[in-house]
PDB file of N, CA and C in Angstrom:
ATOM      1  N   GLY A   1       0.582  -1.688   0.044  1.00  0.00           N
ATOM      2  CA  GLY A   1       0.041  -0.022  -0.189  1.00  0.00           C
ATOM      3  C   GLY A   1       0.523   1.205  -0.035  1.00  0.00           C
ATOM      4  N   MET A   2       1.518   2.126   1.221  1.00  0.00           N
ATOM      5  CA  MET A   2       1.583   3.096   1.756  1.00  0.00           C
ATOM      6  C   MET A   2       2.725   2.774   0.611  1.00  0.00           C
ATOM      7  N   VAL A   3       3.897   2.576   0.905  1.00  0.00           N
ATOM      8  CA  VAL A   3       5.493   2.425   0.662  1.00  0.00           C
ATOM      9  C   VAL A   3       5.128   1.973  -0.828  1.00  0.00           C
ATOM     10  N   MET A   4       4.613   1.548  -1.334  1.00  0.00           N
ATOM     11  CA  MET A   4       4.541   1.223  -2.901  1.00  0.00           C
ATOM     12  C   MET A   4       4.414   2.608  -2.927  1.00  0.00           C
ATOM     13  N   ARG A   5       3.376   3.201  -2.988  1.00  0.00           N
ATOM     14  CA  ARG A   5       2.851   4.418  -3.018  1.00  0.00           C
ATOM     15  C   ARG A   5       4.015   5.591  -3.468  1.00  0.00           C
ATOM     16  N   LEU A   6       4.214   4.809  -1.934  1.00  0.00           N
ATOM     17  CA  LEU A   6       6.376   6.203  -1.581  1.00  0.00           C
ATOM     18  C   LEU A   6       7.164   6.707  -2.647  1.00  0.00           C
ATOM     19  N   SER A   7       7.319   4.762  -3.153  1.00  0.00           N
ATOM     20  CA  SER A   7       8.724   4.341  -3.491  1.00  0.00           C
ATOM     21  C   SER A   7       7.930   5.362  -5.183  1.00  0.00           C
ATOM     22  N   THR A   8       6.675   5.482  -5.859  1.00  0.00           N
ATOM     23  CA  THR A   8       6.535   4.627  -7.293  1.00  0.00           C
ATOM     24  C   THR A   8       6.198   6.552  -7.189  1.00  0.00           C
ATOM     25  N   MET A   9       6.353   7.163  -5.884  1.00  0.00           N
ATOM     26  CA  MET A   9       5.468   8.781  -6.789  1.00  0.00           C
ATOM     27  C   MET A   9       6.467   9.123  -7.660  1.00  0.00           C
ATOM     28  N   ASN A  10       6.139  11.050  -8.784  1.00  0.00           N
ATOM     29  CA  ASN A  10       7.575  10.685  -8.386  1.00  0.00           C
ATOM     30  C   ASN A  10       8.238  12.156  -8.012  1.00  0.00           C
ATOM     31  N   SER A  11       9.258  12.126  -8.112  1.00  0.00           N
ATOM     32  CA  SER A  11      10.309  13.804  -7.353  1.00  0.00           C
ATOM     33  C   SER A  11       9.552  15.609  -7.654  1.00  0.00           C
ATOM     34  N   GLN A  12       8.195  15.331  -7.267  1.00  0.00           N
ATOM     35  CA  GLN A  12       7.234  16.392  -6.717  1.00  0.00           C
ATOM     36  C   GLN A  12       8.038  16.815  -5.635  1.00  0.00           C
ATOM     37  N   THR A  13       7.657  17.918  -5.603  1.00  0.00           N
ATOM     38  CA  THR A  13       7.430  18.221  -3.577  1.00  0.00           C
ATOM     39  C   THR A  13       7.067  16.936  -2.812  1.00  0.00           C
ATOM     40  N   MET A  14       7.455  17.045  -1.747  1.00  0.00           N
ATOM     41  CA  MET A  14       6.408  16.341  -0.642  1.00  0.00           C
ATOM     42  C   MET A  14       5.608  16.115  -0.181  1.00  0.00           C
ATOM     43  N   PRO A  15       3.996  16.217  -0.703  1.00  0.00           N
ATOM     44  CA  PRO A  15       2.990  16.455   0.691  1.00  0.00           C
ATOM     45  C   PRO A  15       3.420  16.911   1.964  1.00  0.00           C
ATOM     46  N   GLU A  16       3.400  17.909   2.476  1.00  0.00           N
ATOM     47  CA  GLU A  16       3.396  18.280   4.015  1.00  0.00           C
ATOM     48  C   GLU A  16       3.414  17.553   4.096  1.00  0.00           C
ATOM     49  N   HIS A  17       2.144  17.837   4.234  1.00  0.00           N
ATOM     50  CA  HIS A  17       1.045  16.288   5.242  1.00  0.00           C
ATOM     51  C   HIS A  17       1.440  15.485   5.482  1.00  0.00           C
ATOM     52  N   LEU A  18       2.579  14.936   4.225  1.00  0.00           N
ATOM     53  CA  LEU A  18       3.019  13.414   4.603  1.00  0.00           C
ATOM     54  C   LEU A  18       3.712  12.628   5.663  1.00  0.00           C
ATOM     55  N   PHE A  19       4.374  13.199   6.033  1.00  0.00           N
ATOM     56  CA  PHE A  19       5.535  12.211   6.085  1.00  0.00           C
ATOM     57  C   PHE A  19       4.956  12.332   8.064  1.00  0.00           C
ATOM     58  N   ALA A  20       3.724  13.872   8.582  1.00  0.00           N
ATOM     59  CA  ALA A  20       3.106  13.845   9.914  1.00  0.00           C
ATOM     60  C   ALA A  20       2.021  12.734   9.481  1.00  0.00           C
ATOM     61  N   GLN A  21       1.315  12.444   8.523  1.00  0.00           N
ATOM     62  CA  GLN A  21       0.864  11.231   9.271  1.00  0.00           C
ATOM     63  C   GLN A  21       1.172   9.578   8.377  1.00  0.00           C
ATOM     64  N   VAL A  22       2.413   9.983   8.046  1.00  0.00           N
ATOM     65  CA  VAL A  22       2.643   8.307   7.907  1.00  0.00           C
ATOM     66  C   VAL A  22       3.211   8.293   9.996  1.00  0.00           C
ATOM     67  N   VAL A  23       4.000   8.867  10.614  1.00  0.00           N
ATOM     68  CA  VAL A  23       4.268   9.314  11.336  1.00  0.00           C
ATOM     69  C   VAL A  23       2.991   9.246  12.421  1.00  0.00           C
ATOM     70  N   THR A  24       1.819   9.419  12.118  1.00  0.00           N
ATOM     71  CA  THR A  24       0.519   8.941  13.755  1.00  0.00           C
ATOM     72  C   THR A  24       0.584   7.228  12.262  1.00  0.00           C
ATOM     73  N   ASP A  25       0.187   7.163  11.347  1.00  0.00           N
ATOM     74  CA  ASP A  25       0.282   5.696  11.601  1.00  0.00           C
ATOM     75  C   ASP A  25       0.990   4.570  11.593  1.00  0.00           C
ATOM     76  N   VAL A  26       2.466   4.896  11.460  1.00  0.00           N
ATOM     77  CA  VAL A  26       3.206   4.213  12.734  1.00  0.00           C
ATOM     78  C   VAL A  26       3.401   4.078  13.920  1.00  0.00           C
ATOM     79  N   GLN A  27       2.827   4.562  14.325  1.00  0.00           N
ATOM     80  CA  GLN A  27       2.282   5.256  15.713  1.00  0.00           C
ATOM     81  C   GLN A  27       1.396   4.353  16.352  1.00  0.00           C
ATOM     82  N   ALA A  28       0.147   3.902  14.995  1.00  0.00           N
ATOM     83  CA  ALA A  28      -1.484   3.401  14.950  1.00  0.00           C
ATOM     84  C   ALA A  28      -0.526   2.223  15.806  1.00  0.00           C
ATOM     85  N   VAL A  29      -0.173   1.385  14.088  1.00  0.00           N
ATOM     86  CA  VAL A  29       0.555  -0.512  14.276  1.00  0.00           C
ATOM     87  C   VAL A  29       1.008  -0.322  15.704  1.00  0.00           C
ATOM     88  N   GLU A  30       2.253   0.786  15.911  1.00  0.00           N
ATOM     89  CA  GLU A  30       3.002   0.477  17.462  1.00  0.00           C
ATOM     90  C   GLU A  30       2.070   0.078  18.387  1.00  0.00           C
ATOM     91  N   GLN A  31       0.842   0.863  18.805  1.00  0.00           N
ATOM     92  CA  GLN A  31      -0.417   1.106  20.036  1.00  0.00           C
ATOM     93  C   GLN A  31      -0.921  -1.058  19.136  1.00  0.00           C
ATOM     94  N   LEU A  32      -1.854  -0.914  17.740  1.00  0.00           N
ATOM     95  CA  LEU A  32      -2.076  -2.155  17.749  1.00  0.00           C
ATOM     96  C   LEU A  32      -1.281  -3.360  18.849  1.00  0.00           C
ATOM     97  N   LEU A  33       0.096  -3.411  18.179  1.00  0.00           N
ATOM     98  CA  LEU A  33       0.494  -4.011  18.812  1.00  0.00           C
ATOM     99  C   LEU A  33       0.620  -4.546  19.960  1.00  0.00           C
ATOM    100  N   GLN A  34       0.933  -3.369  20.326  1.00  0.00           N
ATOM    101  CA  GLN A  34       0.938  -4.032  22.172  1.00  0.00           C
ATOM    102  C   GLN A  34      -0.683  -4.162  22.629  1.00  0.00           C
ATOM    103  N   GLU A  35      -1.739  -3.639  21.765  1.00  0.00           N
ATOM    104  CA  GLU A  35      -2.770  -4.505  22.720  1.00  0.00           C
ATOM    105  C   GLU A  35      -2.867  -5.468  22.489  1.00  0.00           C
ATOM    106  N   GLN A  36      -1.714  -5.892  21.873  1.00  0.00           N
ATOM    107  CA  GLN A  36      -2.738  -7.923  21.554  1.00  0.00           C
ATOM    108  C   GLN A  36      -0.964  -8.017  22.324  1.00  0.00           C
ATOM    109  N   GLY A  37       0.038  -7.787  23.026  1.00  0.00           N
ATOM    110  CA  GLY A  37       0.694  -8.038  23.633  1.00  0.00           C
ATOM    111  C   GLY A  37       1.741  -8.711  23.449  1.00  0.00           C
ATOM    112  N   TYR A  38       1.958  -7.659  22.774  1.00  0.00           N
ATOM    113  CA  TYR A  38       3.959  -7.857  22.277  1.00  0.00           C
ATOM    114  C   TYR A  38       4.109  -7.320  23.255  1.00  0.00           C
ATOM    115  N   GLU A  39       5.478  -8.037  23.314  1.00  0.00           N
ATOM    116  CA  GLU A  39       6.316  -7.430  24.386  1.00  0.00           C
ATOM    117  C   GLU A  39       7.526  -5.793  23.893  1.00  0.00           C
ATOM    118  N   PRO A  40       7.589  -5.430  24.505  1.00  0.00           N
ATOM    119  CA  PRO A  40       8.454  -3.997  24.759  1.00  0.00           C
ATOM    120  C   PRO A  40       9.384  -4.019  23.396  1.00  0.00           C
ATOM    121  N   GLY A  41       9.886  -5.262  23.978  1.00  0.00           N
ATOM    122  CA  GLY A  41      11.299  -5.427  22.634  1.00  0.00           C
ATOM    123  C   GLY A  41      10.742  -5.715  21.015  1.00  0.00           C
ATOM    124  N   VAL A  42      10.245  -6.351  20.559  1.00  0.00           N
ATOM    125  CA  VAL A  42       9.969  -6.873  19.856  1.00  0.00           C
ATOM    126  C   VAL A  42       8.419  -6.086  19.070  1.00  0.00           C
ATOM    127  N   ILE A  43       8.568  -5.024  19.731  1.00  0.00           N
ATOM    128  CA  ILE A  43       7.670  -3.228  18.602  1.00  0.00           C
ATOM    129  C   ILE A  43       8.798  -3.073  18.357  1.00  0.00           C
ATOM    130  N   ILE A  44       9.796  -2.749  19.089  1.00  0.00           N
ATOM    131  CA  ILE A  44      10.731  -1.430  19.041  1.00  0.00           C
ATOM    132  C   ILE A  44      11.139  -2.083  18.190  1.00  0.00           C
ATOM    133  N   SER A  45      12.132  -3.151  17.503  1.00  0.00           N
ATOM    134  CA  SER A  45      12.668  -4.122  16.787  1.00  0.00           C
ATOM    135  C   SER A  45      11.545  -4.388  15.632  1.00  0.00           C
ATOM    136  N   PHE A  46       9.925  -4.420  15.141  1.00  0.00           N
ATOM    137  CA  PHE A  46       9.258  -3.802  14.540  1.00  0.00           C
ATOM    138  C   PHE A  46       9.392  -2.905  13.907  1.00  0.00           C
ATOM    139  N   ARG A  47       9.856  -1.533  14.883  1.00  0.00           N
ATOM    140  CA  ARG A  47       9.036  -0.415  14.751  1.00  0.00           C
ATOM    141  C   ARG A  47      10.577   0.173  13.671  1.00  0.00           C
ATOM    142  N   TYR A  48      12.048  -0.041  14.211  1.00  0.00           N
ATOM    143  CA  TYR A  48      12.733   0.362  13.440  1.00  0.00           C
ATOM    144  C   TYR A  48      12.727  -0.591  11.797  1.00  0.00           C
ATOM    145  N   ILE A  49      12.643  -1.803  12.353  1.00  0.00           N
ATOM    146  CA  ILE A  49      12.403  -2.262  10.638  1.00  0.00           C
ATOM    147  C   ILE A  49      11.160  -1.502   9.877  1.00  0.00           C
ATOM    148  N   LEU A  50      10.678  -1.212  10.342  1.00  0.00           N
ATOM    149  CA  LEU A  50       9.498   0.159   9.549  1.00  0.00           C
ATOM    150  C   LEU A  50       9.715   0.706   9.179  1.00  0.00           C
ATOM    151  N   CYS A  51      10.635   1.286   9.879  1.00  0.00           N
ATOM    152  CA  CYS A  51      10.913   3.073   9.584  1.00  0.00           C
ATOM    153  C   CYS A  51      11.977   3.386   9.344  1.00  0.00           C
ATOM    154  N   THR A  52      12.562   2.259   8.681  1.00  0.00           N
ATOM    155  CA  THR A  52      13.965   2.133   7.456  1.00  0.00           C
ATOM    156  C   THR A  52      13.922   1.842   6.659  1.00  0.00           C
ATOM    157  N   PHE A  53      12.597   1.164   6.424  1.00  0.00           N
ATOM    158  CA  PHE A  53      12.117   0.085   5.153  1.00  0.00           C
ATOM    159  C   PHE A  53      11.173   1.003   4.496  1.00  0.00           C
ATOM    160  N   ILE A  54      10.561   2.207   5.242  1.00  0.00           N
ATOM    161  CA  ILE A  54       9.226   3.725   4.670  1.00  0.00           C
ATOM    162  C   ILE A  54      10.362   4.476   4.632  1.00  0.00           C
ATOM    163  N   ASP A  55      11.465   4.632   4.747  1.00  0.00           N
ATOM    164  CA  ASP A  55      12.399   6.258   4.835  1.00  0.00           C
ATOM    165  C   ASP A  55      13.354   5.340   3.295  1.00  0.00           C
ATOM    166  N   GLU A  56      13.435   4.352   2.794  1.00  0.00           N
ATOM    167  CA  GLU A  56      14.561   4.583   1.554  1.00  0.00           C
ATOM    168  C   GLU A  56      12.991   4.713   1.024  1.00  0.00           C
ATOM    169  N   ALA A  57      11.682   4.180   1.512  1.00  0.00           N
ATOM    170  CA  ALA A  57      11.248   4.262  -0.246  1.00  0.00           C
ATOM    171  C   ALA A  57      10.772   5.253  -0.499  1.00  0.00           C
ATOM    172  N   ALA A  58      10.014   6.995   0.634  1.00  0.00           N
ATOM    173  CA  ALA A  58      10.208   7.973   1.206  1.00  0.00           C
ATOM    174  C   ALA A  58      11.959   8.604   0.131  1.00  0.00           C
ATOM    175  N   LEU A  59      13.043   8.537   0.323  1.00  0.00           N
ATOM    176  CA  LEU A  59      14.169   8.551   0.153  1.00  0.00           C
ATOM    177  C   LEU A  59      15.118   7.728  -1.567  1.00  0.00           C
ATOM    178  N   GLY A  60      14.354   7.273  -1.766  1.00  0.00           N
ATOM    179  CA  GLY A  60      14.316   6.726  -2.716  1.00  0.00           C
ATOM    180  C   GLY A  60      14.580   7.107  -4.534  1.00  0.00           C
ATOM    181  N   ASN A  61      13.288   7.900  -3.653  1.00  0.00           N
ATOM    182  CA  ASN A  61      11.787   8.456  -5.130  1.00  0.00           C
ATOM    183  C   ASN A  61      12.682   9.568  -5.918  1.00  0.00           C
ATOM    184  N   GLY A  62      13.521  10.361  -5.658  1.00  0.00           N
ATOM    185  CA  GLY A  62      13.601  11.599  -6.045  1.00  0.00           C
ATOM    186  C   GLY A  62      13.478  13.494  -4.988  1.00  0.00           C
ATOM    187  N   TRP A  63      13.104  12.291  -3.936  1.00  0.00           N
ATOM    188  CA  TRP A  63      13.042  13.713  -3.172  1.00  0.00           C
ATOM    189  C   TRP A  63      14.207  14.137  -2.315  1.00  0.00           C
ATOM    190  N   SER A  64      15.150  13.532  -2.306  1.00  0.00           N
ATOM    191  CA  SER A  64      16.627  13.594  -1.068  1.00  0.00           C
ATOM    192  C   SER A  64      16.235  15.450  -0.940  1.00  0.00           C
ATOM    193  N   ASN A  65      16.715  15.460  -2.021  1.00  0.00           N
ATOM    194  CA  ASN A  65      17.160  17.548  -1.619  1.00  0.00           C
ATOM    195  C   ASN A  65      15.715  17.864  -1.763  1.00  0.00           C
ATOM    196  N   LYS A  66      14.619  17.439  -1.779  1.00  0.00           N
ATOM    197  CA  LYS A  66      13.705  18.702  -2.125  1.00  0.00           C
ATOM    198  C   LYS A  66      12.546  18.949  -0.947  1.00  0.00           C
ATOM    199  N   ASN A  67      12.642  18.045  -0.045  1.00  0.00           N
ATOM    200  CA  ASN A  67      11.701  18.163   1.361  1.00  0.00           C
ATOM    201  C   ASN A  67      12.774  17.926   2.702  1.00  0.00           C
ATOM    202  N   GLU A  68      11.212  17.797   3.540  1.00  0.00           N
ATOM    203  CA  GLU A  68      12.240  17.282   4.901  1.00  0.00           C
ATOM    204  C   GLU A  68      12.274  16.612   4.748  1.00  0.00           C
ATOM    205  N   TRP A  69      12.420  15.038   4.368  1.00  0.00           N
ATOM    206  CA  TRP A  69      12.366  14.482   5.103  1.00  0.00           C
ATOM    207  C   TRP A  69      13.549  13.388   5.184  1.00  0.00           C
ATOM    208  N   ILE A  70      14.273  13.909   4.057  1.00  0.00           N
ATOM    209  CA  ILE A  70      15.846  14.429   4.757  1.00  0.00           C
ATOM    210  C   ILE A  70      16.319  14.490   5.879  1.00  0.00           C
ATOM    211  N   LYS A  71      16.246  15.176   6.171  1.00  0.00           N
ATOM    212  CA  LYS A  71      16.006  16.012   7.615  1.00  0.00           C
ATOM    213  C   LYS A  71      16.033  15.433   9.320  1.00  0.00           C
ATOM    214  N   GLN A  72      14.379  15.150   8.742  1.00  0.00           N
ATOM    215  CA  GLN A  72      14.490  13.892   9.638  1.00  0.00           C
ATOM    216  C   GLN A  72      14.062  12.604   9.781  1.00  0.00           C
ATOM    217  N   SER A  73      13.880  11.587   8.827  1.00  0.00           N
ATOM    218  CA  SER A  73      13.675  10.865   9.017  1.00  0.00           C
ATOM    219  C   SER A  73      12.741   9.930   9.463  1.00  0.00           C
ATOM    220  N   LEU A  74      11.639   8.832   9.748  1.00  0.00           N
ATOM    221  CA  LEU A  74      11.189   8.048  10.323  1.00  0.00           C
ATOM    222  C   LEU A  74      12.205   7.193  11.883  1.00  0.00           C
ATOM    223  N   LEU A  75      13.625   7.139  11.129  1.00  0.00           N
ATOM    224  CA  LEU A  75      14.639   5.883  11.273  1.00  0.00           C
ATOM    225  C   LEU A  75      14.528   7.230  13.002  1.00  0.00           C
ATOM    226  N   VAL A  76      15.011   8.830  12.670  1.00  0.00           N
ATOM    227  CA  VAL A  76      15.457   9.860  13.357  1.00  0.00           C
ATOM    228  C   VAL A  76      14.121  10.894  14.424  1.00  0.00           C
ATOM    229  N   HIS A  77      13.299  10.407  13.755  1.00  0.00           N
ATOM    230  CA  HIS A  77      11.532  11.520  14.934  1.00  0.00           C
ATOM    231  C   HIS A  77      11.583   9.748  16.149  1.00  0.00           C
ATOM    232  N   PHE A  78      11.614   8.383  15.138  1.00  0.00           N
ATOM    233  CA  PHE A  78      11.610   7.562  16.887  1.00  0.00           C
ATOM    234  C   PHE A  78      12.134   7.156  17.420  1.00  0.00           C
ATOM    235  N   HIS A  79      13.436   7.091  16.733  1.00  0.00           N
ATOM    236  CA  HIS A  79      14.596   6.017  17.526  1.00  0.00           C
ATOM    237  C   HIS A  79      15.610   7.189  17.283  1.00  0.00           C
ATOM    238  N   ASN A  80      16.184   8.789  16.764  1.00  0.00           N
ATOM    239  CA  ASN A  80      17.657   8.231  16.472  1.00  0.00           C
ATOM    240  C   ASN A  80      18.235   8.610  16.238  1.00  0.00           C
ATOM    241  N   GLU A  81      18.286   7.368  15.526  1.00  0.00           N
ATOM    242  CA  GLU A  81      19.196   7.564  14.591  1.00  0.00           C
ATOM    243  C   GLU A  81      19.638   8.048  12.662  1.00  0.00           C
ATOM    244  N   ALA A  82      19.708   7.716  12.499  1.00  0.00           N
ATOM    245  CA  ALA A  82      20.075   8.320  10.858  1.00  0.00           C
ATOM    246  C   ALA A  82      20.852   7.332   9.941  1.00  0.00           C
ATOM    247  N   TRP A  83      20.823   6.554  10.021  1.00  0.00           N
ATOM    248  CA  TRP A  83      20.961   5.750   9.701  1.00  0.00           C
ATOM    249  C   TRP A  83      20.539   4.575   9.639  1.00  0.00           C
ATOM    250  N   GLY A  84      19.963   2.512   9.466  1.00  0.00           N
ATOM    251  CA  GLY A  84      19.642   1.790   9.688  1.00  0.00           C
ATOM    252  C   GLY A  84      20.417   0.873   9.009  1.00  0.00           C
ATOM    253  N   GLY A  85      20.741   1.053   8.029  1.00  0.00           N
ATOM    254  CA  GLY A  85      21.773   0.096   7.670  1.00  0.00           C
ATOM    255  C   GLY A  85      21.612  -1.222   8.162  1.00  0.00           C
ATOM    256  N   GLU A  86      22.500  -0.894   8.739  1.00  0.00           N
ATOM    257  CA  GLU A  86      23.526  -2.721   9.410  1.00  0.00           C
ATOM    258  C   GLU A  86      22.648  -2.941  10.622  1.00  0.00           C
ATOM    259  N   LYS A  87      22.542  -2.691  11.349  1.00  0.00           N
ATOM    260  CA  LYS A  87      21.273  -1.753  12.206  1.00  0.00           C
ATOM    261  C   LYS A  87      19.746  -3.573  11.750  1.00  0.00           C
ATOM    262  N   VAL A  88      19.034  -2.515  10.543  1.00  0.00           N
ATOM    263  CA  VAL A  88      18.412  -3.754   9.994  1.00  0.00           C
ATOM    264  C   VAL A  88      18.202  -5.396   9.825  1.00  0.00           C
ATOM    265  N   PHE A  89      19.407  -5.377   9.592  1.00  0.00           N
ATOM    266  CA  PHE A  89      20.675  -6.540   9.309  1.00  0.00           C
ATOM    267  C   PHE A  89      20.670  -7.234  10.885  1.00  0.00           C
ATOM    268  N   ILE A  90      20.940  -6.746  11.566  1.00  0.00           N
ATOM    269  CA  ILE A  90      21.050  -7.520  12.892  1.00  0.00           C
ATOM    270  C   ILE A  90      19.264  -8.039  13.266  1.00  0.00           C
ATOM    271  N   LEU A  91      19.050  -7.423  13.017  1.00  0.00           N
ATOM    272  CA  LEU A  91      17.829  -7.859  13.831  1.00  0.00           C
ATOM    273  C   LEU A  91      17.317  -8.284  13.076  1.00  0.00           C
ATOM    274  N   LEU A  92      17.018  -8.575  11.822  1.00  0.00           N
ATOM    275  CA  LEU A  92      16.546 -10.338  11.138  1.00  0.00           C
ATOM    276  C   LEU A  92      16.663 -11.111  11.275  1.00  0.00           C
ATOM    277  N   GLU A  93      18.667 -11.270  11.673  1.00  0.00           N
ATOM    278  CA  GLU A  93      18.646 -12.116  12.613  1.00  0.00           C
ATOM    279  C   GLU A  93      18.461 -12.872  13.159  1.00  0.00           C
ATOM    280  N   ARG A  94      18.207 -11.688  14.389  1.00  0.00           N
ATOM    281  CA  ARG A  94      16.939 -12.203  15.466  1.00  0.00           C
ATOM    282  C   ARG A  94      15.828 -12.739  14.304  1.00  0.00           C
ATOM    283  N   LEU A  95      14.959 -11.829  14.730  1.00  0.00           N
ATOM    284  CA  LEU A  95      13.861 -12.386  14.002  1.00  0.00           C
ATOM    285  C   LEU A  95      14.756 -14.158  13.248  1.00  0.00           C
ATOM    286  N   ILE A  96      14.943 -14.103  12.791  1.00  0.00           N
ATOM    287  CA  ILE A  96      15.337 -15.919  11.868  1.00  0.00           C
ATOM    288  C   ILE A  96      15.884 -17.131  13.468  1.00  0.00           C
ATOM    289  N   ARG A  97      16.855 -16.540  14.629  1.00  0.00           N
ATOM    290  CA  ARG A  97      17.099 -17.826  15.300  1.00  0.00           C
ATOM    291  C   ARG A  97      15.704 -16.910  16.216  1.00  0.00           C
ATOM    292  N   GLU A  98      14.946 -16.329  16.856  1.00  0.00           N
ATOM    293  CA  GLU A  98      13.370 -16.310  17.225  1.00  0.00           C
ATOM    294  C   GLU A  98      12.872 -16.346  17.231  1.00  0.00           C
ATOM    295  N   PRO A  99      12.185 -17.206  15.740  1.00  0.00           N
ATOM    296  CA  PRO A  99      10.765 -16.712  14.750  1.00  0.00           C
ATOM    297  C   PRO A  99       9.888 -16.690  15.651  1.00  0.00           C
ATOM    298  N   LYS A 100       9.715 -17.984  16.829  1.00  0.00           N
ATOM    299  CA  LYS A 100       8.340 -17.201  17.572  1.00  0.00           C
ATOM    300  C   LYS A 100       8.554 -15.942  18.419  1.00  0.00           C
ATOM    301  N   ARG A 101       9.415 -15.827  18.786  1.00  0.00           N
ATOM    302  CA  ARG A 101       8.838 -15.076  19.702  1.00  0.00           C
ATOM    303  C   ARG A 101       8.414 -13.296  18.668  1.00  0.00           C
ATOM    304  N   TYR A 102       8.551 -13.432  17.734  1.00  0.00           N
ATOM    305  CA  TYR A 102       8.866 -12.307  16.809  1.00  0.00           C
ATOM    306  C   TYR A 102       7.111 -12.099  15.787  1.00  0.00           C
ATOM    307  N   GLN A 103       6.845 -13.868  16.031  1.00  0.00           N
ATOM    308  CA  GLN A 103       5.671 -14.408  15.038  1.00  0.00           C
ATOM    309  C   GLN A 103       4.213 -13.371  15.601  1.00  0.00           C
TER     310      GLN A 103
END
């Protein structure tokens, strides 16, 4: 859905409300996971991977120099980190090692 649309949008200026809407959507997913009883560490790992994935889609479409997303990505907003590359693979490795915990 949303990530596919982000990655295929042309390089026009990003709509001003889009980043705020995505932040709200990520928070809604996080709330749903809390309500379903997922432990905090699992939720944080999921959010980290999700934020990195969405940031890559948004920044990979030519917007990077034309909008505010590059100045404060989702990863910066939620985790105070600017680059999720290696950490995402560490988290994915944990998912593979402990599939029942992260299902």
